[in-house]
Amino acid sequence: MTEPLKLVLASASPRRLALLEQIGVTPDALLPASVDETPERNERPRTLALRLAEAKTRAGARLAAQDPALANALVLGADTVVAVGRRILPKPENLEEAADCLRLLSGRAHRVQTAICVTTRKGALRSRLVETRVRFRRLSESEIAAYLESGEWRGKAGGYAIQGLAGAFVAKLSGSYGAVVGLPLCETANLLTGEGYPLHRGWTATA
């Protein structure tokens, strides 16, 4: 009997794991890899997202290759970049950086570039990029202060989590909500099924 195709998620993000589980996918292993996320000089947001997603996927594949049980598994990686124009916003490391992000986003539109990448069974990479436009309503200083106090901004691209309290800031979204959270579900499903992953295997049990 042919062994079922396995999947490795090259991420430690609980949000990406929850999104995969939403479409009935439970990875066989989580193998996050440490990758330098510093943008290169004059690097465009979309180029950065693709480069990092592919780097994370390659790193995850190297880790999976060390485990005989995962040697032939598909590896999925992703990266999300928030930008205003060509200005790439950081994942804030302190309150000041987070406040700067929120003030910049207040009352204006920005773009979220989310790239996903999966290894093929022949060892190559397949990638997709999803762009989503998000517009924040104007934020008061008291709202910004309250959000900063929540701590939800920590580790989030652009200093906010749309699936959390910051959902109250979003006046308009055009594109993929899942991509802003961290994983575009339609494109992820297409990549996985294109490589033969049995995406629908567990759907009848969840009906």
Protein backbone atom coordinates (compact mmCIF):
# COMPACT_ATOMS: atom_id res chain seq x y z
CA MET A 1 0.00 0.00 0.00
CA THR A 2 1.30 3.47 -0.91
CA GLU A 3 2.09 5.58 2.11
CA PRO A 4 -0.15 8.69 2.36
CA LEU A 5 1.54 11.90 1.29
CA LYS A 6 2.62 13.90 4.34
CA LEU A 7 2.75 17.64 4.88
CA VAL A 8 5.18 19.77 6.86
CA LEU A 9 4.34 23.36 7.81
CA ALA A 10 7.53 25.43 7.92
CA SER A 11 6.08 27.91 10.39
CA ALA A 12 5.50 28.32 14.10
CA SER A 13 2.50 30.60 13.53
CA PRO A 14 -0.61 29.38 15.36
CA ARG A 15 -2.66 31.48 12.95
CA ARG A 16 -1.38 29.63 9.89
CA LEU A 17 -1.96 26.31 11.61
CA ALA A 18 -5.55 27.30 12.46
CA LEU A 19 -6.18 28.42 8.88
CA LEU A 20 -4.95 25.08 7.52
CA GLU A 21 -7.16 23.24 9.98
CA GLN A 22 -10.09 25.35 8.78
CA ILE A 23 -9.82 23.64 5.38
CA GLY A 24 -9.35 20.21 6.92
CA VAL A 25 -5.56 20.04 6.79
CA THR A 26 -3.53 18.94 9.80
CA PRO A 27 0.21 19.01 9.10
CA ASP A 28 2.19 15.93 10.08
CA ALA A 29 4.93 18.16 11.52
CA LEU A 30 5.72 21.78 12.30
CA LEU A 31 9.30 22.65 11.37
CA PRO A 32 9.80 26.41 11.66
CA ALA A 33 13.16 27.64 10.50
CA SER A 34 15.03 30.77 11.45
CA VAL A 35 15.38 33.06 8.41
CA ASP A 36 16.77 36.58 8.28
CA GLU A 37 13.77 38.72 7.31
CA THR A 38 15.72 41.93 6.70
CA PRO A 39 14.68 43.48 3.36
CA GLU A 40 17.42 43.91 0.80
CA ARG A 41 18.24 47.40 -0.44
CA ASN A 42 15.39 48.79 -2.59
CA GLU A 43 13.58 45.44 -2.38
CA ARG A 44 9.91 45.64 -3.29
CA PRO A 45 7.32 44.31 -0.79
CA ARG A 46 6.10 41.57 -3.14
CA THR A 47 9.65 40.47 -3.93
CA LEU A 48 10.47 40.30 -0.23
CA ALA A 49 7.39 38.21 0.55
CA LEU A 50 8.21 35.70 -2.19
CA ARG A 51 11.88 35.52 -1.28
CA LEU A 52 11.15 34.87 2.40
CA ALA A 53 8.41 32.31 1.74
CA GLU A 54 10.77 30.37 -0.51
CA ALA A 55 13.64 30.65 1.98
CA LYS A 56 11.44 29.35 4.80
CA THR A 57 10.24 26.48 2.63
CA ARG A 58 13.76 25.48 1.67
CA ALA A 59 14.87 25.64 5.29
CA GLY A 60 11.89 23.53 6.35
CA ALA A 61 12.67 21.00 3.62
CA ARG A 62 16.25 20.67 4.88
CA LEU A 63 14.95 19.93 8.37
CA ALA A 64 12.38 17.44 7.05
CA ALA A 65 15.07 15.61 5.08
CA GLN A 66 16.79 14.76 8.36
CA ASP A 67 13.75 12.74 9.50
CA PRO A 68 13.21 9.52 7.51
CA ALA A 69 9.48 9.69 8.27
CA LEU A 70 9.26 13.09 6.57
CA ALA A 71 11.83 12.70 3.83
CA ASN A 72 9.19 12.63 1.05
CA ALA A 73 6.74 15.07 2.63
CA LEU A 74 5.52 18.25 0.98
CA VAL A 75 6.76 21.36 2.78
CA LEU A 76 4.65 24.52 2.95
CA GLY A 77 6.05 27.94 3.86
CA ALA A 78 4.59 31.44 3.83
CA ASP A 79 5.43 35.06 4.53
CA THR A 80 3.35 38.21 4.94
CA VAL A 81 4.56 41.75 4.25
CA VAL A 82 2.61 44.92 5.03
CA ALA A 83 3.50 48.00 3.01
CA VAL A 84 2.39 51.57 2.39
CA GLY A 85 3.49 52.27 -1.15
CA ARG A 86 6.98 50.79 -1.35
CA ARG A 87 7.61 51.34 2.35
CA ILE A 88 7.79 47.99 4.12
CA LEU A 89 6.45 48.08 7.65
CA PRO A 90 8.29 46.03 10.29
CA LYS A 91 7.15 43.49 12.82
CA PRO A 92 7.50 45.96 15.70
CA GLU A 93 9.87 45.07 18.48
CA ASN A 94 8.77 47.84 20.84
CA LEU A 95 5.90 50.21 21.58
CA GLU A 96 7.41 53.08 19.65
CA GLU A 97 7.71 51.06 16.44
CA ALA A 98 4.17 49.73 16.85
CA ALA A 99 2.79 53.23 17.43
CA ASP A 100 4.58 54.50 14.31
CA CYS A 101 2.98 51.72 12.25
CA LEU A 102 -0.53 52.43 13.52
CA ARG A 103 -0.23 56.18 12.97
CA LEU A 104 1.00 55.57 9.43
CA LEU A 105 -1.88 53.19 8.68
CA SER A 106 -4.54 55.40 10.29
CA GLY A 107 -7.07 56.71 7.79
CA ARG A 108 -5.34 55.33 4.72
CA ALA A 109 -5.04 52.28 2.53
CA HIS A 110 -2.17 49.81 2.55
CA ARG A 111 -1.30 46.56 0.83
CA VAL A 112 -0.62 43.17 2.33
CA GLN A 113 1.54 40.85 0.24
CA THR A 114 1.35 37.20 1.29
CA ALA A 115 3.45 34.62 -0.50
CA ILE A 116 3.07 30.87 -0.15
CA CYS A 117 5.48 28.21 -1.36
CA VAL A 118 5.37 24.43 -1.48
CA THR A 119 7.96 21.85 -2.43
CA THR A 120 7.09 19.49 -5.24
CA ARG A 121 7.67 15.76 -5.09
CA LYS A 122 10.55 16.30 -7.51
CA GLY A 123 12.24 18.73 -5.13
CA ALA A 124 11.35 21.95 -6.94
CA LEU A 125 9.37 24.90 -5.52
CA ARG A 126 5.99 26.29 -6.54
CA SER A 127 4.99 29.73 -5.27
CA ARG A 128 2.01 32.08 -5.34
CA LEU A 129 1.65 35.70 -4.28
CA VAL A 130 -1.62 37.19 -3.09
CA GLU A 131 -2.09 40.94 -2.74
CA THR A 132 -4.83 42.30 -0.49
CA ARG A 133 -5.75 45.95 -0.08
CA VAL A 134 -6.81 47.08 3.37
CA ARG A 135 -8.00 50.50 4.47
CA PHE A 136 -8.05 51.60 8.09
CA ARG A 137 -10.46 54.18 9.38
CA ARG A 138 -8.90 57.14 11.13
CA LEU A 139 -7.64 56.15 14.57
CA SER A 140 -7.62 58.41 17.60
CA GLU A 141 -4.60 58.59 19.86
CA SER A 142 -6.64 56.96 22.63
CA GLU A 143 -7.48 54.01 20.33
CA ILE A 144 -3.84 53.62 19.38
CA ALA A 145 -2.81 53.73 23.04
CA ALA A 146 -5.41 51.12 23.99
CA TYR A 147 -4.31 48.81 21.19
CA LEU A 148 -0.68 49.16 22.17
CA GLU A 149 -1.60 48.30 25.74
CA SER A 150 -3.29 45.10 24.56
CA GLY A 151 0.06 43.75 23.34
CA GLU A 152 -1.62 42.21 20.30
CA TRP A 153 0.80 44.02 17.97
CA ARG A 154 3.78 41.95 19.07
CA GLY A 155 5.27 39.89 16.25
CA LYS A 156 2.67 41.04 13.72
CA ALA A 157 3.59 42.46 10.33
CA GLY A 158 2.59 46.11 10.29
CA GLY A 159 1.92 46.04 14.02
CA TYR A 160 -1.64 44.70 13.93
CA ALA A 161 -3.65 41.48 13.87
CA ILE A 162 -6.75 41.72 11.69
CA GLN A 163 -8.21 38.57 13.26
CA GLY A 164 -8.09 40.19 16.69
CA LEU A 165 -8.91 43.57 18.16
CA ALA A 166 -7.58 45.41 15.11
CA GLY A 167 -10.51 44.06 13.12
CA ALA A 168 -12.33 47.10 14.50
CA PHE A 169 -9.95 49.35 12.54
CA VAL A 170 -10.64 47.91 9.08
CA ALA A 171 -13.01 50.03 7.00
CA LYS A 172 -12.52 48.11 3.76
CA LEU A 173 -10.76 44.98 2.52
CA SER A 174 -10.31 43.92 -1.08
CA GLY A 175 -8.73 40.53 -1.61
CA SER A 176 -8.12 37.62 0.76
CA TYR A 177 -8.88 37.97 4.46
CA GLY A 178 -6.97 34.73 5.14
CA ALA A 179 -3.91 36.16 3.41
CA VAL A 180 -3.90 39.13 5.80
CA VAL A 181 -4.09 36.71 8.73
CA GLY A 182 -1.21 34.75 7.22
CA LEU A 183 -2.38 32.18 4.66
CA PRO A 184 -4.60 32.59 1.55
CA LEU A 185 -6.78 29.50 1.70
CA CYS A 186 -7.86 29.21 -1.94
CA GLU A 187 -4.34 29.48 -3.31
CA THR A 188 -2.93 27.19 -0.62
CA ALA A 189 -5.54 24.54 -1.40
CA ASN A 190 -4.74 24.79 -5.11
CA LEU A 191 -1.00 24.39 -4.55
CA LEU A 192 -1.45 21.37 -2.29
CA THR A 193 -3.95 19.55 -4.46
CA GLY A 194 -1.79 20.31 -7.51
CA GLU A 195 0.98 18.30 -5.86
CA GLY A 196 -1.33 15.41 -5.06
CA TYR A 197 -2.02 16.18 -1.41
CA PRO A 198 -5.37 14.61 -0.37
CA LEU A 199 -6.90 17.85 0.84
CA HIS A 200 -10.44 16.47 0.97
CA ARG A 201 -9.55 13.29 2.81
CA GLY A 202 -10.99 14.39 6.14
CA TRP A 203 -13.90 16.52 4.95
CA THR A 204 -16.61 13.90 5.39
CA ALA A 205 -15.70 13.58 9.09
CA THR A 206 -16.21 17.33 9.61
CA ALA A 207 -19.53 17.58 7.81
